[in-house]
PDB file of N, CA and C in Angstrom:
ATOM      1  N   UNK A   1      92.888  40.910 123.584  1.00  0.00           N
ATOM      2  CA  UNK A   1      91.650  40.711 124.236  1.00  0.00           C
ATOM      3  C   UNK A   1      90.705  41.562 123.571  1.00  0.00           C
ATOM      4  N   UNK A   2      89.478  41.107 123.305  1.00  0.00           N
ATOM      5  CA  UNK A   2      88.387  41.894 122.789  1.00  0.00           C
ATOM      6  C   UNK A   2      87.369  42.044 123.683  1.00  0.00           C
ATOM      7  N   UNK A   3      86.824  43.208 123.943  1.00  0.00           N
ATOM      8  CA  UNK A   3      85.650  43.535 124.688  1.00  0.00           C
ATOM      9  C   UNK A   3      84.469  44.232 123.669  1.00  0.00           C
ATOM     10  N   UNK A   4      83.310  43.717 123.968  1.00  0.00           N
ATOM     11  CA  UNK A   4      82.170  44.383 123.187  1.00  0.00           C
ATOM     12  C   UNK A   4      81.614  45.361 124.036  1.00  0.00           C
ATOM     13  N   UNK A   5      81.468  46.582 123.549  1.00  0.00           N
ATOM     14  CA  UNK A   5      80.894  47.691 124.191  1.00  0.00           C
ATOM     15  C   UNK A   5      79.708  48.100 123.527  1.00  0.00           C
ATOM     16  N   UNK A   6      78.632  48.334 124.296  1.00  0.00           N
ATOM     17  CA  UNK A   6      77.402  48.703 123.744  1.00  0.00           C
ATOM     18  C   UNK A   6      76.653  49.765 124.490  1.00  0.00           C
ATOM     19  N   UNK A   7      75.487  50.368 124.016  1.00  0.00           N
ATOM     20  CA  UNK A   7      74.734  51.198 124.723  1.00  0.00           C
ATOM     21  C   UNK A   7      75.477  52.434 125.385  1.00  0.00           C
ATOM     22  N   UNK A   8      75.069  52.660 126.641  1.00  0.00           N
ATOM     23  CA  UNK A   8      75.593  53.926 127.369  1.00  0.00           C
ATOM     24  C   UNK A   8      77.211  54.030 127.324  1.00  0.00           C
ATOM     25  N   UNK A   9      77.828  52.876 127.465  1.00  0.00           N
ATOM     26  CA  UNK A   9      79.307  52.988 127.490  1.00  0.00           C
ATOM     27  C   UNK A   9      79.839  53.374 126.187  1.00  0.00           C
ATOM     28  N   UNK A  10      79.279  52.929 125.062  1.00  0.00           N
ATOM     29  CA  UNK A  10      79.653  53.522 123.780  1.00  0.00           C
ATOM     30  C   UNK A  10      79.483  54.956 123.635  1.00  0.00           C
ATOM     31  N   UNK A  11      78.372  55.360 124.117  1.00  0.00           N
ATOM     32  CA  UNK A  11      78.156  56.792 124.036  1.00  0.00           C
ATOM     33  C   UNK A  11      78.814  57.703 124.694  1.00  0.00           C
ATOM     34  N   UNK A  12      79.440  57.172 126.127  1.00  0.00           N
ATOM     35  CA  UNK A  12      80.414  57.764 126.843  1.00  0.00           C
ATOM     36  C   UNK A  12      81.790  57.846 126.070  1.00  0.00           C
ATOM     37  N   UNK A  13      82.150  56.889 125.399  1.00  0.00           N
ATOM     38  CA  UNK A  13      83.416  56.673 124.742  1.00  0.00           C
ATOM     39  C   UNK A  13      83.451  57.805 123.735  1.00  0.00           C
ATOM     40  N   UNK A  14      82.339  57.805 122.918  1.00  0.00           N
ATOM     41  CA  UNK A  14      82.139  58.701 121.741  1.00  0.00           C
ATOM     42  C   UNK A  14      82.240  60.179 122.277  1.00  0.00           C
ATOM     43  N   UNK A  15      81.501  60.512 123.411  1.00  0.00           N
ATOM     44  CA  UNK A  15      81.564  61.936 123.906  1.00  0.00           C
ATOM     45  C   UNK A  15      82.911  62.340 124.410  1.00  0.00           C
ATOM     46  N   UNK A  16      83.642  61.328 125.057  1.00  0.00           N
ATOM     47  CA  UNK A  16      85.074  61.619 125.316  1.00  0.00           C
ATOM     48  C   UNK A  16      85.958  61.849 124.312  1.00  0.00           C
ATOM     49  N   UNK A  17      85.834  61.295 123.140  1.00  0.00           N
ATOM     50  CA  UNK A  17      86.760  61.425 121.915  1.00  0.00           C
ATOM     51  C   UNK A  17      86.219  62.750 121.147  1.00  0.00           C
ATOM     52  N   UNK A  18      84.978  63.151 121.298  1.00  0.00           N
ATOM     53  CA  UNK A  18      84.497  64.467 120.632  1.00  0.00           C
ATOM     54  C   UNK A  18      85.003  65.586 121.545  1.00  0.00           C
ATOM     55  N   UNK A  19      85.175  65.439 122.689  1.00  0.00           N
ATOM     56  CA  UNK A  19      85.729  66.524 123.589  1.00  0.00           C
ATOM     57  C   UNK A  19      87.218  66.814 123.177  1.00  0.00           C
ATOM     58  N   UNK A  20      87.929  66.040 122.456  1.00  0.00           N
ATOM     59  CA  UNK A  20      89.173  66.249 121.963  1.00  0.00           C
ATOM     60  C   UNK A  20      90.415  65.756 122.871  1.00  0.00           C
ATOM     61  N   UNK A  21      89.988  65.125 123.997  1.00  0.00           N
ATOM     62  CA  UNK A  21      91.090  64.747 124.797  1.00  0.00           C
ATOM     63  C   UNK A  21      91.666  63.334 124.445  1.00  0.00           C
ATOM     64  N   UNK A  22      91.071  62.531 123.579  1.00  0.00           N
ATOM     65  CA  UNK A  22      91.541  61.326 123.026  1.00  0.00           C
ATOM     66  C   UNK A  22      91.344  61.207 121.700  1.00  0.00           C
ATOM     67  N   UNK A  23      92.218  60.158 121.117  1.00  0.00           N
ATOM     68  CA  UNK A  23      92.252  59.961 119.788  1.00  0.00           C
ATOM     69  C   UNK A  23      91.395  58.529 119.224  1.00  0.00           C
ATOM     70  N   UNK A  24      91.561  57.762 120.228  1.00  0.00           N
ATOM     71  CA  UNK A  24      91.159  56.462 119.963  1.00  0.00           C
ATOM     72  C   UNK A  24      90.140  56.041 121.077  1.00  0.00           C
ATOM     73  N   UNK A  25      89.209  55.049 120.848  1.00  0.00           N
ATOM     74  CA  UNK A  25      88.473  54.517 121.981  1.00  0.00           C
ATOM     75  C   UNK A  25      89.456  53.737 122.963  1.00  0.00           C
ATOM     76  N   UNK A  26      90.507  53.161 122.532  1.00  0.00           N
ATOM     77  CA  UNK A  26      91.433  52.468 123.306  1.00  0.00           C
ATOM     78  C   UNK A  26      92.069  53.289 124.443  1.00  0.00           C
ATOM     79  N   UNK A  27      92.387  54.674 123.960  1.00  0.00           N
ATOM     80  CA  UNK A  27      92.826  55.624 124.915  1.00  0.00           C
ATOM     81  C   UNK A  27      91.770  55.896 126.154  1.00  0.00           C
ATOM     82  N   UNK A  28      90.575  56.076 125.681  1.00  0.00           N
ATOM     83  CA  UNK A  28      89.518  56.456 126.622  1.00  0.00           C
ATOM     84  C   UNK A  28      89.450  55.324 127.710  1.00  0.00           C
ATOM     85  N   UNK A  29      89.446  53.977 127.096  1.00  0.00           N
ATOM     86  CA  UNK A  29      89.272  52.884 128.143  1.00  0.00           C
ATOM     87  C   UNK A  29      90.487  52.650 128.860  1.00  0.00           C
ATOM     88  N   UNK A  30      91.703  52.987 128.310  1.00  0.00           N
ATOM     89  CA  UNK A  30      92.995  52.873 129.049  1.00  0.00           C
ATOM     90  C   UNK A  30      92.867  53.872 130.204  1.00  0.00           C
ATOM     91  N   UNK A  31      92.648  55.066 129.934  1.00  0.00           N
ATOM     92  CA  UNK A  31      92.524  56.016 130.959  1.00  0.00           C
ATOM     93  C   UNK A  31      91.602  55.724 132.042  1.00  0.00           C
ATOM     94  N   UNK A  32      90.245  55.276 131.595  1.00  0.00           N
ATOM     95  CA  UNK A  32      89.334  54.930 132.705  1.00  0.00           C
ATOM     96  C   UNK A  32      89.941  53.727 133.526  1.00  0.00           C
ATOM     97  N   UNK A  33      90.510  52.674 133.047  1.00  0.00           N
ATOM     98  CA  UNK A  33      90.990  51.643 133.886  1.00  0.00           C
ATOM     99  C   UNK A  33      92.154  52.147 134.766  1.00  0.00           C
ATOM    100  N   UNK A  34      92.987  52.934 134.164  1.00  0.00           N
ATOM    101  CA  UNK A  34      94.189  53.561 135.090  1.00  0.00           C
ATOM    102  C   UNK A  34      93.509  54.272 136.219  1.00  0.00           C
ATOM    103  N   UNK A  35      92.441  54.956 136.088  1.00  0.00           N
ATOM    104  CA  UNK A  35      91.816  55.826 137.108  1.00  0.00           C
ATOM    105  C   UNK A  35      91.183  54.779 138.052  1.00  0.00           C
ATOM    106  N   UNK A  36      90.724  53.846 137.563  1.00  0.00           N
ATOM    107  CA  UNK A  36      90.132  52.831 138.596  1.00  0.00           C
ATOM    108  C   UNK A  36      91.320  52.138 139.516  1.00  0.00           C
ATOM    109  N   UNK A  37      92.410  51.982 138.847  1.00  0.00           N
ATOM    110  CA  UNK A  37      93.537  51.413 139.585  1.00  0.00           C
ATOM    111  C   UNK A  37      94.120  52.297 140.611  1.00  0.00           C
ATOM    112  N   UNK A  38      93.858  53.634 140.493  1.00  0.00           N
ATOM    113  CA  UNK A  38      94.375  54.512 141.450  1.00  0.00           C
ATOM    114  C   UNK A  38      93.834  54.439 142.739  1.00  0.00           C
ATOM    115  N   UNK A  39      92.561  53.948 142.768  1.00  0.00           N
ATOM    116  CA  UNK A  39      91.906  53.802 144.117  1.00  0.00           C
ATOM    117  C   UNK A  39      90.937  54.865 144.560  1.00  0.00           C
ATOM    118  N   UNK A  40      90.200  54.736 145.439  1.00  0.00           N
ATOM    119  CA  UNK A  40      89.216  55.621 145.878  1.00  0.00           C
ATOM    120  C   UNK A  40      89.847  56.824 146.729  1.00  0.00           C
ATOM    121  N   UNK A  41      89.359  58.075 146.433  1.00  0.00           N
ATOM    122  CA  UNK A  41      89.794  59.168 147.192  1.00  0.00           C
ATOM    123  C   UNK A  41      90.803  59.948 146.220  1.00  0.00           C
ATOM    124  N   UNK A  42      91.207  59.317 145.122  1.00  0.00           N
ATOM    125  CA  UNK A  42      92.074  60.170 144.347  1.00  0.00           C
ATOM    126  C   UNK A  42      91.235  60.975 143.275  1.00  0.00           C
ATOM    127  N   UNK A  43      91.305  62.314 143.290  1.00  0.00           N
ATOM    128  CA  UNK A  43      90.607  63.142 142.202  1.00  0.00           C
ATOM    129  C   UNK A  43      91.285  62.743 140.843  1.00  0.00           C
ATOM    130  N   UNK A  44      90.529  62.361 139.990  1.00  0.00           N
ATOM    131  CA  UNK A  44      90.856  62.238 138.643  1.00  0.00           C
ATOM    132  C   UNK A  44      91.322  63.428 137.885  1.00  0.00           C
ATOM    133  N   UNK A  45      92.250  63.295 137.029  1.00  0.00           N
ATOM    134  CA  UNK A  45      92.541  64.344 136.265  1.00  0.00           C
ATOM    135  C   UNK A  45      91.717  64.603 135.005  1.00  0.00           C
ATOM    136  N   UNK A  46      91.475  65.802 134.526  1.00  0.00           N
ATOM    137  CA  UNK A  46      90.746  65.749 133.365  1.00  0.00           C
ATOM    138  C   UNK A  46      91.452  65.342 132.191  1.00  0.00           C
ATOM    139  N   UNK A  47      90.790  65.035 131.055  1.00  0.00           N
ATOM    140  CA  UNK A  47      91.576  64.606 129.996  1.00  0.00           C
ATOM    141  C   UNK A  47      92.371  65.853 129.394  1.00  0.00           C
ATOM    142  N   UNK A  48      93.535  65.643 128.603  1.00  0.00           N
ATOM    143  CA  UNK A  48      94.278  66.483 128.188  1.00  0.00           C
ATOM    144  C   UNK A  48      93.568  67.317 127.067  1.00  0.00           C
ATOM    145  N   UNK A  49      93.617  68.624 127.059  1.00  0.00           N
ATOM    146  CA  UNK A  49      92.994  69.271 126.078  1.00  0.00           C
ATOM    147  C   UNK A  49      93.927  69.663 124.810  1.00  0.00           C
ATOM    148  N   UNK A  50      93.537  69.337 123.593  1.00  0.00           N
ATOM    149  CA  UNK A  50      94.494  69.648 122.484  1.00  0.00           C
ATOM    150  C   UNK A  50      94.206  71.048 121.820  1.00  0.00           C
ATOM    151  N   UNK A  51      95.103  71.925 121.742  1.00  0.00           N
ATOM    152  CA  UNK A  51      94.803  73.164 121.384  1.00  0.00           C
ATOM    153  C   UNK A  51      95.055  73.313 119.838  1.00  0.00           C
ATOM    154  N   UNK A  52      94.266  74.161 119.154  1.00  0.00           N
ATOM    155  CA  UNK A  52      94.587  74.371 117.840  1.00  0.00           C
ATOM    156  C   UNK A  52      95.960  75.447 117.738  1.00  0.00           C
ATOM    157  N   UNK A  53      96.356  75.650 116.755  1.00  0.00           N
ATOM    158  CA  UNK A  53      97.501  76.515 116.603  1.00  0.00           C
ATOM    159  C   UNK A  53      97.135  78.076 117.095  1.00  0.00           C
ATOM    160  N   UNK A  54      95.837  78.372 116.883  1.00  0.00           N
ATOM    161  CA  UNK A  54      95.211  79.748 117.058  1.00  0.00           C
ATOM    162  C   UNK A  54      95.177  79.758 118.596  1.00  0.00           C
ATOM    163  N   UNK A  55      94.573  78.694 119.185  1.00  0.00           N
ATOM    164  CA  UNK A  55      94.265  78.682 120.621  1.00  0.00           C
ATOM    165  C   UNK A  55      95.627  78.901 121.222  1.00  0.00           C
ATOM    166  N   UNK A  56      96.624  78.075 120.870  1.00  0.00           N
ATOM    167  CA  UNK A  56      97.924  77.986 121.512  1.00  0.00           C
ATOM    168  C   UNK A  56      98.587  79.576 121.516  1.00  0.00           C
ATOM    169  N   UNK A  57      98.346  80.150 120.190  1.00  0.00           N
ATOM    170  CA  UNK A  57      99.025  81.528 119.963  1.00  0.00           C
ATOM    171  C   UNK A  57      98.270  82.593 121.087  1.00  0.00           C
ATOM    172  N   UNK A  58      96.872  82.311 121.027  1.00  0.00           N
ATOM    173  CA  UNK A  58      96.144  83.162 122.041  1.00  0.00           C
ATOM    174  C   UNK A  58      96.609  83.061 123.384  1.00  0.00           C
ATOM    175  N   UNK A  59      96.799  81.796 123.811  1.00  0.00           N
ATOM    176  CA  UNK A  59      97.339  81.540 125.243  1.00  0.00           C
ATOM    177  C   UNK A  59      98.702  82.404 125.488  1.00  0.00           C
ATOM    178  N   UNK A  60      99.651  82.017 124.474  1.00  0.00           N
ATOM    179  CA  UNK A  60     100.882  82.725 124.631  1.00  0.00           C
ATOM    180  C   UNK A  60     100.815  84.169 124.713  1.00  0.00           C
ATOM    181  N   UNK A  61      99.924  84.785 123.867  1.00  0.00           N
ATOM    182  CA  UNK A  61      99.579  86.320 124.023  1.00  0.00           C
ATOM    183  C   UNK A  61      99.148  86.667 125.352  1.00  0.00           C
ATOM    184  N   UNK A  62      98.175  85.883 125.783  1.00  0.00           N
ATOM    185  CA  UNK A  62      97.706  86.218 127.048  1.00  0.00           C
ATOM    186  C   UNK A  62      98.756  86.269 128.200  1.00  0.00           C
ATOM    187  N   UNK A  63      99.770  85.183 128.174  1.00  0.00           N
ATOM    188  CA  UNK A  63     100.652  85.105 129.183  1.00  0.00           C
ATOM    189  C   UNK A  63     101.642  86.206 129.038  1.00  0.00           C
ATOM    190  N   UNK A  64     101.866  86.746 127.813  1.00  0.00           N
ATOM    191  CA  UNK A  64     102.813  87.859 127.558  1.00  0.00           C
ATOM    192  C   UNK A  64     102.071  89.187 127.679  1.00  0.00           C
ATOM    193  N   UNK A  65     100.898  89.351 127.865  1.00  0.00           N
ATOM    194  CA  UNK A  65     100.094  90.508 127.820  1.00  0.00           C
ATOM    195  C   UNK A  65     100.752  91.594 128.787  1.00  0.00           C
ATOM    196  N   UNK A  66     101.189  91.282 130.017  1.00  0.00           N
ATOM    197  CA  UNK A  66     101.774  92.289 130.880  1.00  0.00           C
ATOM    198  C   UNK A  66     103.035  92.153 131.052  1.00  0.00           C
ATOM    199  N   UNK A  67     103.886  91.555 130.066  1.00  0.00           N
ATOM    200  CA  UNK A  67     105.422  91.462 130.228  1.00  0.00           C
ATOM    201  C   UNK A  67     106.069  92.698 130.066  1.00  0.00           C
ATOM    202  N   UNK A  68     105.352  93.715 129.430  1.00  0.00           N
ATOM    203  CA  UNK A  68     106.090  94.987 129.371  1.00  0.00           C
ATOM    204  C   UNK A  68     106.178  95.803 130.597  1.00  0.00           C
ATOM    205  N   UNK A  69     105.337  95.342 131.546  1.00  0.00           N
ATOM    206  CA  UNK A  69     105.152  96.090 132.778  1.00  0.00           C
ATOM    207  C   UNK A  69     106.141  95.247 133.969  1.00  0.00           C
ATOM    208  N   UNK A  70     106.717  94.202 133.607  1.00  0.00           N
ATOM    209  CA  UNK A  70     107.605  93.524 134.553  1.00  0.00           C
ATOM    210  C   UNK A  70     108.841  94.338 134.721  1.00  0.00           C
ATOM    211  N   UNK A  71     109.401  94.179 135.835  1.00  0.00           N
ATOM    212  CA  UNK A  71     110.730  95.135 136.042  1.00  0.00           C
ATOM    213  C   UNK A  71     111.831  94.251 135.529  1.00  0.00           C
ATOM    214  N   UNK A  72     112.917  95.009 134.912  1.00  0.00           N
ATOM    215  CA  UNK A  72     114.005  94.300 134.377  1.00  0.00           C
ATOM    216  C   UNK A  72     114.936  94.184 135.480  1.00  0.00           C
ATOM    217  N   UNK A  73     115.365  92.854 135.646  1.00  0.00           N
ATOM    218  CA  UNK A  73     116.269  92.857 136.778  1.00  0.00           C
ATOM    219  C   UNK A  73     117.765  92.638 136.236  1.00  0.00           C
ATOM    220  N   UNK A  74     118.601  92.866 137.143  1.00  0.00           N
ATOM    221  CA  UNK A  74     120.075  92.905 136.853  1.00  0.00           C
ATOM    222  C   UNK A  74     120.356  91.496 136.643  1.00  0.00           C
ATOM    223  N   UNK A  75     121.240  91.080 135.672  1.00  0.00           N
ATOM    224  CA  UNK A  75     121.562  89.683 135.535  1.00  0.00           C
ATOM    225  C   UNK A  75     122.202  89.062 136.752  1.00  0.00           C
ATOM    226  N   UNK A  76     122.960  89.841 137.697  1.00  0.00           N
ATOM    227  CA  UNK A  76     123.497  89.436 138.968  1.00  0.00           C
ATOM    228  C   UNK A  76     122.270  88.934 139.806  1.00  0.00           C
ATOM    229  N   UNK A  77     121.152  89.241 139.674  1.00  0.00           N
ATOM    230  CA  UNK A  77     119.957  88.791 140.509  1.00  0.00           C
ATOM    231  C   UNK A  77     119.794  87.251 140.153  1.00  0.00           C
ATOM    232  N   UNK A  78     120.287  86.720 139.179  1.00  0.00           N
ATOM    233  CA  UNK A  78     119.964  85.249 139.000  1.00  0.00           C
ATOM    234  C   UNK A  78     121.553  84.443 139.073  1.00  0.00           C
ATOM    235  N   UNK A  79     122.455  85.135 139.767  1.00  0.00           N
ATOM    236  CA  UNK A  79     123.813  84.464 139.880  1.00  0.00           C
ATOM    237  C   UNK A  79     123.573  83.615 141.034  1.00  0.00           C
ATOM    238  N   UNK A  80     124.510  82.591 141.058  1.00  0.00           N
ATOM    239  CA  UNK A  80     124.383  81.554 142.258  1.00  0.00           C
ATOM    240  C   UNK A  80     124.748  82.423 143.583  1.00  0.00           C
ATOM    241  N   UNK A  81     125.813  83.288 143.457  1.00  0.00           N
ATOM    242  CA  UNK A  81     125.997  83.955 144.683  1.00  0.00           C
ATOM    243  C   UNK A  81     125.005  84.789 145.284  1.00  0.00           C
ATOM    244  N   UNK A  82     124.218  85.488 144.311  1.00  0.00           N
ATOM    245  CA  UNK A  82     123.004  86.269 144.749  1.00  0.00           C
ATOM    246  C   UNK A  82     121.767  85.336 145.255  1.00  0.00           C
ATOM    247  N   UNK A  83     121.801  84.262 144.811  1.00  0.00           N
ATOM    248  CA  UNK A  83     120.642  83.432 145.248  1.00  0.00           C
ATOM    249  C   UNK A  83     120.961  82.951 146.702  1.00  0.00           C
ATOM    250  N   UNK A  84     122.273  82.524 146.914  1.00  0.00           N
ATOM    251  CA  UNK A  84     122.719  81.938 148.338  1.00  0.00           C
ATOM    252  C   UNK A  84     123.249  82.955 149.220  1.00  0.00           C
ATOM    253  N   UNK A  85     123.128  84.311 148.861  1.00  0.00           N
ATOM    254  CA  UNK A  85     123.952  85.278 149.610  1.00  0.00           C
ATOM    255  C   UNK A  85     123.505  85.398 151.254  1.00  0.00           C
ATOM    256  N   UNK A  86     122.147  84.975 151.409  1.00  0.00           N
ATOM    257  CA  UNK A  86     121.772  85.138 152.835  1.00  0.00           C
ATOM    258  C   UNK A  86     121.826  83.905 153.616  1.00  0.00           C
ATOM    259  N   UNK A  87     122.555  82.870 153.025  1.00  0.00           N
ATOM    260  CA  UNK A  87     122.652  81.700 153.840  1.00  0.00           C
ATOM    261  C   UNK A  87     124.191  81.442 154.114  1.00  0.00           C
ATOM    262  N   UNK A  88     124.316  80.867 155.352  1.00  0.00           N
ATOM    263  CA  UNK A  88     125.635  80.739 155.958  1.00  0.00           C
ATOM    264  C   UNK A  88     126.018  79.371 155.999  1.00  0.00           C
TER     265      UNK A  88
END
C-alpha cells in the first residue's frame, strides 16, 4: 500500500524522526496507527529515546553515584529461607 503524505503531516513525521525516536517514516506512521488502535483514554507512550554511548555512560554513573553509601547485606539476606521466614 502506498500513501501520499504532504503538508503538515510530512512536517510532523520529519520532526518525530529528528527527535531520535524513529529511524524511518514507516516507524512513525506505524506507531501513530497503533496508538489510534488503542482507543480513547489510553495515554500514549513517548517515543523511545536513543542514547549515545556518552549519555548511556552518564546515566550509569548517575545510578551508581551513591552506591558506596548503600549498606552491604549478608548473603543470607537473599536466601530463599530468609525471604520466606515470616510465612507459615
